[in-house]
Amino acid sequence: MTLGRTLWCIILIKLFIMFAVLKAFFFPSYLKGDAGEKSEAVSTELTARKVSE
């Protein structure tokens, strides 16, 4: 049972590193503000990408 508990501990530490630490460094939040500002930024970005194609 101690081997299984140790393996679960390692798995949980790896998951924490993947989701908490890597998200903070590699996936920053570009959208800041309230819901209206976020929706405006997304629609502007989508229409700008569509026009450039």
Protein backbone atom coordinates (compact mmCIF):
# COMPACT_ATOMS: atom_id res chain seq x y z
CA MET A 1 0.00 0.00 0.00
CA THR A 2 2.85 2.42 0.59
CA LEU A 3 4.00 2.09 -3.02
CA GLY A 4 0.53 3.00 -4.30
CA ARG A 5 0.31 5.98 -1.96
CA THR A 6 3.73 7.19 -3.10
CA LEU A 7 2.77 6.87 -6.75
CA TRP A 8 -0.46 8.83 -6.20
CA CYS A 9 1.53 11.53 -4.44
CA ILE A 10 3.89 11.79 -7.41
CA ILE A 11 0.95 11.91 -9.83
CA LEU A 12 -0.72 14.73 -7.88
CA ILE A 13 2.51 16.73 -7.72
CA LYS A 14 2.98 16.37 -11.47
CA LEU A 15 -0.60 17.45 -12.14
CA PHE A 16 -0.14 20.50 -9.94
CA ILE A 17 3.03 21.43 -11.82
CA MET A 18 1.38 20.96 -15.19
CA PHE A 19 -1.80 22.91 -14.49
CA ALA A 20 -0.71 25.58 -12.03
CA VAL A 21 2.88 26.42 -12.80
CA LEU A 22 2.97 25.90 -16.57
CA LYS A 23 -0.33 27.70 -17.09
CA ALA A 24 0.99 30.75 -15.29
CA PHE A 25 4.11 30.97 -17.45
CA PHE A 26 3.03 29.73 -20.89
CA PHE A 27 -0.65 30.67 -21.07
CA PRO A 28 -1.06 34.22 -19.75
CA SER A 29 -4.49 35.78 -19.63
CA TYR A 30 -4.69 38.33 -22.43
CA LEU A 31 -8.30 39.26 -21.79
CA LYS A 32 -8.75 41.55 -18.84
CA GLY A 33 -11.84 43.51 -17.91
CA ASP A 34 -15.54 42.83 -17.73
CA ALA A 35 -17.59 40.58 -20.00
CA GLY A 36 -18.38 43.35 -22.49
CA GLU A 37 -14.73 44.19 -23.05
CA LYS A 38 -13.84 40.52 -23.42
CA SER A 39 -16.56 39.87 -26.00
CA GLU A 40 -15.54 42.98 -27.94
CA ALA A 41 -11.88 41.89 -27.99
CA VAL A 42 -12.81 38.39 -29.17
CA SER A 43 -15.10 39.61 -31.94
CA THR A 44 -12.51 42.13 -33.11
CA GLU A 45 -9.82 39.45 -33.21
CA LEU A 46 -12.03 37.00 -35.09
CA THR A 47 -13.10 39.50 -37.71
CA ALA A 48 -9.50 40.69 -38.18
CA ARG A 49 -8.38 37.09 -38.78
CA LYS A 50 -11.24 36.43 -41.19
CA VAL A 51 -10.45 39.54 -43.26
CA SER A 52 -6.75 38.66 -43.52
CA GLU A 53 -7.47 35.22 -45.06
